[in-house]
C-alpha atoms as a PDB file:
ATOM      1  CA  UNK A   1     197.951  38.613  57.300  1.00  0.00           C
ATOM      2  CA  UNK A   2     200.097  41.318  55.929  1.00  0.00           C
ATOM      3  CA  UNK A   3     202.882  39.721  52.986  1.00  0.00           C
ATOM      4  CA  UNK A   4     205.858  39.253  55.937  1.00  0.00           C
ATOM      5  CA  UNK A   5     209.827  38.873  54.522  1.00  0.00           C
ATOM      6  CA  UNK A   6     212.085  35.582  54.596  1.00  0.00           C
ATOM      7  CA  UNK A   7     214.555  36.254  57.475  1.00  0.00           C
ATOM      8  CA  UNK A   8     218.408  34.921  56.984  1.00  0.00           C
ATOM      9  CA  UNK A   9     218.058  33.573  60.216  1.00  0.00           C
ATOM     10  CA  UNK A  10     214.759  31.750  59.496  1.00  0.00           C
ATOM     11  CA  UNK A  11     217.074  29.266  57.135  1.00  0.00           C
ATOM     12  CA  UNK A  12     218.263  25.890  57.978  1.00  0.00           C
ATOM     13  CA  UNK A  13     221.545  24.403  57.114  1.00  0.00           C
ATOM     14  CA  UNK A  14     220.183  23.940  53.309  1.00  0.00           C
ATOM     15  CA  UNK A  15     219.851  27.624  52.857  1.00  0.00           C
ATOM     16  CA  UNK A  16     215.833  26.909  53.239  1.00  0.00           C
ATOM     17  CA  UNK A  17     213.496  28.536  55.800  1.00  0.00           C
ATOM     18  CA  UNK A  18     213.380  26.148  58.524  1.00  0.00           C
ATOM     19  CA  UNK A  19     210.133  23.968  59.296  1.00  0.00           C
ATOM     20  CA  UNK A  20     209.083  25.442  62.360  1.00  0.00           C
ATOM     21  CA  UNK A  21     208.769  28.785  61.061  1.00  0.00           C
ATOM     22  CA  UNK A  22     205.993  27.299  58.684  1.00  0.00           C
ATOM     23  CA  UNK A  23     204.333  26.728  62.444  1.00  0.00           C
ATOM     24  CA  UNK A  24     205.343  30.014  63.709  1.00  0.00           C
ATOM     25  CA  UNK A  25     203.611  31.514  60.397  1.00  0.00           C
ATOM     26  CA  UNK A  26     200.438  29.520  60.973  1.00  0.00           C
ATOM     27  CA  UNK A  27     200.756  31.062  64.662  1.00  0.00           C
ATOM     28  CA  UNK A  28     201.100  33.845  63.601  1.00  0.00           C
ATOM     29  CA  UNK A  29     197.854  33.876  61.089  1.00  0.00           C
ATOM     30  CA  UNK A  30     195.471  32.604  64.099  1.00  0.00           C
ATOM     31  CA  UNK A  31     196.552  34.793  66.566  1.00  0.00           C
ATOM     32  CA  UNK A  32     195.595  37.261  64.004  1.00  0.00           C
ATOM     33  CA  UNK A  33     192.096  35.464  63.856  1.00  0.00           C
ATOM     34  CA  UNK A  34     191.543  35.181  67.654  1.00  0.00           C
ATOM     35  CA  UNK A  35     192.017  39.147  67.729  1.00  0.00           C
ATOM     36  CA  UNK A  36     189.243  39.711  65.163  1.00  0.00           C
ATOM     37  CA  UNK A  37     187.366  37.930  67.066  1.00  0.00           C
ATOM     38  CA  UNK A  38     188.319  39.682  70.205  1.00  0.00           C
ATOM     39  CA  UNK A  39     190.369  38.331  72.468  1.00  0.00           C
ATOM     40  CA  UNK A  40     192.135  40.458  74.339  1.00  0.00           C
ATOM     41  CA  UNK A  41     194.517  40.544  76.925  1.00  0.00           C
ATOM     42  CA  UNK A  42     190.771  41.811  78.710  1.00  0.00           C
ATOM     43  CA  UNK A  43     189.132  38.199  77.753  1.00  0.00           C
ATOM     44  CA  UNK A  44     191.891  36.703  78.855  1.00  0.00           C
ATOM     45  CA  UNK A  45     192.492  37.514  81.963  1.00  0.00           C
ATOM     46  CA  UNK A  46     188.316  37.047  82.473  1.00  0.00           C
ATOM     47  CA  UNK A  47     187.144  34.400  79.808  1.00  0.00           C
ATOM     48  CA  UNK A  48     190.318  32.821  79.293  1.00  0.00           C
ATOM     49  CA  UNK A  49     191.712  31.918  75.097  1.00  0.00           C
ATOM     50  CA  UNK A  50     191.851  29.121  72.602  1.00  0.00           C
ATOM     51  CA  UNK A  51     194.171  26.747  73.193  1.00  0.00           C
ATOM     52  CA  UNK A  52     195.455  24.722  69.799  1.00  0.00           C
ATOM     53  CA  UNK A  53     194.965  21.065  70.491  1.00  0.00           C
ATOM     54  CA  UNK A  54     196.005  19.324  67.098  1.00  0.00           C
ATOM     55  CA  UNK A  55     197.915  20.892  63.851  1.00  0.00           C
ATOM     56  CA  UNK A  56     199.051  19.192  60.184  1.00  0.00           C
ATOM     57  CA  UNK A  57     201.791  20.875  58.589  1.00  0.00           C
ATOM     58  CA  UNK A  58     201.767  19.984  54.983  1.00  0.00           C
ATOM     59  CA  UNK A  59     205.684  21.701  53.310  1.00  0.00           C
ATOM     60  CA  UNK A  60     204.332  21.697  49.742  1.00  0.00           C
ATOM     61  CA  UNK A  61     207.522  23.831  48.566  1.00  0.00           C
ATOM     62  CA  UNK A  62     210.833  25.714  49.812  1.00  0.00           C
ATOM     63  CA  UNK A  63     210.792  29.456  51.058  1.00  0.00           C
ATOM     64  CA  UNK A  64     213.916  31.053  51.159  1.00  0.00           C
ATOM     65  CA  UNK A  65     215.400  34.074  52.850  1.00  0.00           C
ATOM     66  CA  UNK A  66     213.895  37.707  51.243  1.00  0.00           C
ATOM     67  CA  UNK A  67     210.890  35.604  50.220  1.00  0.00           C
ATOM     68  CA  UNK A  68     207.550  37.465  50.720  1.00  0.00           C
ATOM     69  CA  UNK A  69     204.776  35.469  52.356  1.00  0.00           C
ATOM     70  CA  UNK A  70     201.653  35.804  52.910  1.00  0.00           C
ATOM     71  CA  UNK A  71     198.721  33.688  55.005  1.00  0.00           C
ATOM     72  CA  UNK A  72     195.418  33.277  54.641  1.00  0.00           C
ATOM     73  CA  UNK A  73     192.952  31.239  56.948  1.00  0.00           C
ATOM     74  CA  UNK A  74     189.931  30.241  56.446  1.00  0.00           C
ATOM     75  CA  UNK A  75     187.192  29.277  59.583  1.00  0.00           C
ATOM     76  CA  UNK A  76     186.066  25.818  58.925  1.00  0.00           C
ATOM     77  CA  UNK A  77     184.147  25.132  62.038  1.00  0.00           C
ATOM     78  CA  UNK A  78     183.465  26.614  65.167  1.00  0.00           C
ATOM     79  CA  UNK A  79     181.417  25.397  67.880  1.00  0.00           C
ATOM     80  CA  UNK A  80     181.178  26.485  71.501  1.00  0.00           C
ATOM     81  CA  UNK A  81     184.504  25.280  71.809  1.00  0.00           C
ATOM     82  CA  UNK A  82     186.262  24.440  69.095  1.00  0.00           C
ATOM     83  CA  UNK A  83     187.919  26.211  66.378  1.00  0.00           C
ATOM     84  CA  UNK A  84     188.713  24.445  63.321  1.00  0.00           C
ATOM     85  CA  UNK A  85     191.045  26.819  60.998  1.00  0.00           C
ATOM     86  CA  UNK A  86     193.109  25.492  57.224  1.00  0.00           C
ATOM     87  CA  UNK A  87     196.151  28.595  57.161  1.00  0.00           C
ATOM     88  CA  UNK A  88     197.625  28.497  53.392  1.00  0.00           C
ATOM     89  CA  UNK A  89     201.037  29.745  53.231  1.00  0.00           C
ATOM     90  CA  UNK A  90     201.856  31.031  49.652  1.00  0.00           C
ATOM     91  CA  UNK A  91     204.988  32.962  48.664  1.00  0.00           C
ATOM     92  CA  UNK A  92     203.979  36.350  46.411  1.00  0.00           C
ATOM     93  CA  UNK A  93     202.497  35.422  43.214  1.00  0.00           C
ATOM     94  CA  UNK A  94     202.994  31.834  43.556  1.00  0.00           C
ATOM     95  CA  UNK A  95     201.217  28.571  44.360  1.00  0.00           C
ATOM     96  CA  UNK A  96     200.982  27.417  47.939  1.00  0.00           C
ATOM     97  CA  UNK A  97     204.613  27.078  49.475  1.00  0.00           C
ATOM     98  CA  UNK A  98     202.663  24.991  52.966  1.00  0.00           C
ATOM     99  CA  UNK A  99     198.760  24.676  54.584  1.00  0.00           C
ATOM    100  CA  UNK A 100     198.727  24.342  58.056  1.00  0.00           C
ATOM    101  CA  UNK A 101     195.401  22.925  59.520  1.00  0.00           C
ATOM    102  CA  UNK A 102     194.534  23.389  63.315  1.00  0.00           C
ATOM    103  CA  UNK A 103     191.937  22.442  65.887  1.00  0.00           C
ATOM    104  CA  UNK A 104     191.700  24.521  68.726  1.00  0.00           C
ATOM    105  CA  UNK A 105     189.985  24.245  71.942  1.00  0.00           C
ATOM    106  CA  UNK A 106     188.350  27.332  74.207  1.00  0.00           C
ATOM    107  CA  UNK A 107     190.130  26.943  77.462  1.00  0.00           C
ATOM    108  CA  UNK A 108     188.406  28.769  80.594  1.00  0.00           C
ATOM    109  CA  UNK A 109     190.768  31.153  82.604  1.00  0.00           C
ATOM    110  CA  UNK A 110     189.509  29.972  85.667  1.00  0.00           C
ATOM    111  CA  UNK A 111     189.390  26.890  85.713  1.00  0.00           C
ATOM    112  CA  UNK A 112     191.630  26.140  83.253  1.00  0.00           C
ATOM    113  CA  UNK A 113     189.835  23.426  81.850  1.00  0.00           C
ATOM    114  CA  UNK A 114     187.941  23.321  77.849  1.00  0.00           C
ATOM    115  CA  UNK A 115     184.658  25.863  78.252  1.00  0.00           C
ATOM    116  CA  UNK A 116     182.528  27.726  75.772  1.00  0.00           C
ATOM    117  CA  UNK A 117     183.749  31.257  74.584  1.00  0.00           C
ATOM    118  CA  UNK A 118     182.025  33.870  76.090  1.00  0.00           C
ATOM    119  CA  UNK A 119     180.092  37.324  74.861  1.00  0.00           C
ATOM    120  CA  UNK A 120     180.956  39.005  71.369  1.00  0.00           C
ATOM    121  CA  UNK A 121     184.296  37.051  70.858  1.00  0.00           C
ATOM    122  CA  UNK A 122     181.684  33.444  70.360  1.00  0.00           C
ATOM    123  CA  UNK A 123     179.070  35.723  68.506  1.00  0.00           C
ATOM    124  CA  UNK A 124     181.939  37.102  65.957  1.00  0.00           C
ATOM    125  CA  UNK A 125     183.547  33.810  65.305  1.00  0.00           C
ATOM    126  CA  UNK A 126     180.298  32.333  64.608  1.00  0.00           C
ATOM    127  CA  UNK A 127     179.592  34.876  62.340  1.00  0.00           C
ATOM    128  CA  UNK A 128     183.194  34.087  60.750  1.00  0.00           C
ATOM    129  CA  UNK A 129     182.425  31.180  60.367  1.00  0.00           C
ATOM    130  CA  UNK A 130     178.828  31.217  58.447  1.00  0.00           C
ATOM    131  CA  UNK A 131     180.617  33.686  56.484  1.00  0.00           C
ATOM    132  CA  UNK A 132     184.220  31.429  55.643  1.00  0.00           C
ATOM    133  CA  UNK A 133     181.469  28.402  55.311  1.00  0.00           C
ATOM    134  CA  UNK A 134     180.100  29.763  51.292  1.00  0.00           C
ATOM    135  CA  UNK A 135     183.980  29.669  50.711  1.00  0.00           C
ATOM    136  CA  UNK A 136     185.558  26.532  48.764  1.00  0.00           C
ATOM    137  CA  UNK A 137     186.433  23.525  50.976  1.00  0.00           C
ATOM    138  CA  UNK A 138     190.278  23.679  50.650  1.00  0.00           C
ATOM    139  CA  UNK A 139     192.326  20.908  49.426  1.00  0.00           C
ATOM    140  CA  UNK A 140     194.080  19.470  51.826  1.00  0.00           C
ATOM    141  CA  UNK A 141     191.419  19.958  54.485  1.00  0.00           C
ATOM    142  CA  UNK A 142     191.399  16.376  57.201  1.00  0.00           C
ATOM    143  CA  UNK A 143     194.295  15.097  55.319  1.00  0.00           C
ATOM    144  CA  UNK A 144     196.310  12.158  57.023  1.00  0.00           C
ATOM    145  CA  UNK A 145     199.766  10.953  56.921  1.00  0.00           C
ATOM    146  CA  UNK A 146     199.836   7.042  57.023  1.00  0.00           C
ATOM    147  CA  UNK A 147     202.197   4.459  54.039  1.00  0.00           C
ATOM    148  CA  UNK A 148     199.747   3.524  51.396  1.00  0.00           C
END
């Protein structure tokens, strides 16, 4: 995702970027992946798209208006129906400000139920998954929330 400047209207009452915007950044990055693998309006109307089943956000640092951030996304895994993504939101030139892990499911356009990705979308996704499997596994994958 191209670097994006945090806007003043994204701030909460503490002067920090509000938590829902971190999720929005992850959603934008997910949309970029879906576009890259070929999910466009034609594909969506004929075959469907991916829907988010679960998201885990970890807020590591505060973001403020004027900060420029980028989101790097790694495909952790995919099969016929599921897509597992990990997003890292980074303020330019600094350590990560947040991470977002997502599990998505492909939903068939005609049935409204889960169904396999089709054609070149499936092929591109599996190729991207194969390439990303060579990358180091990001820190924080599979984190859970609990009191110890």
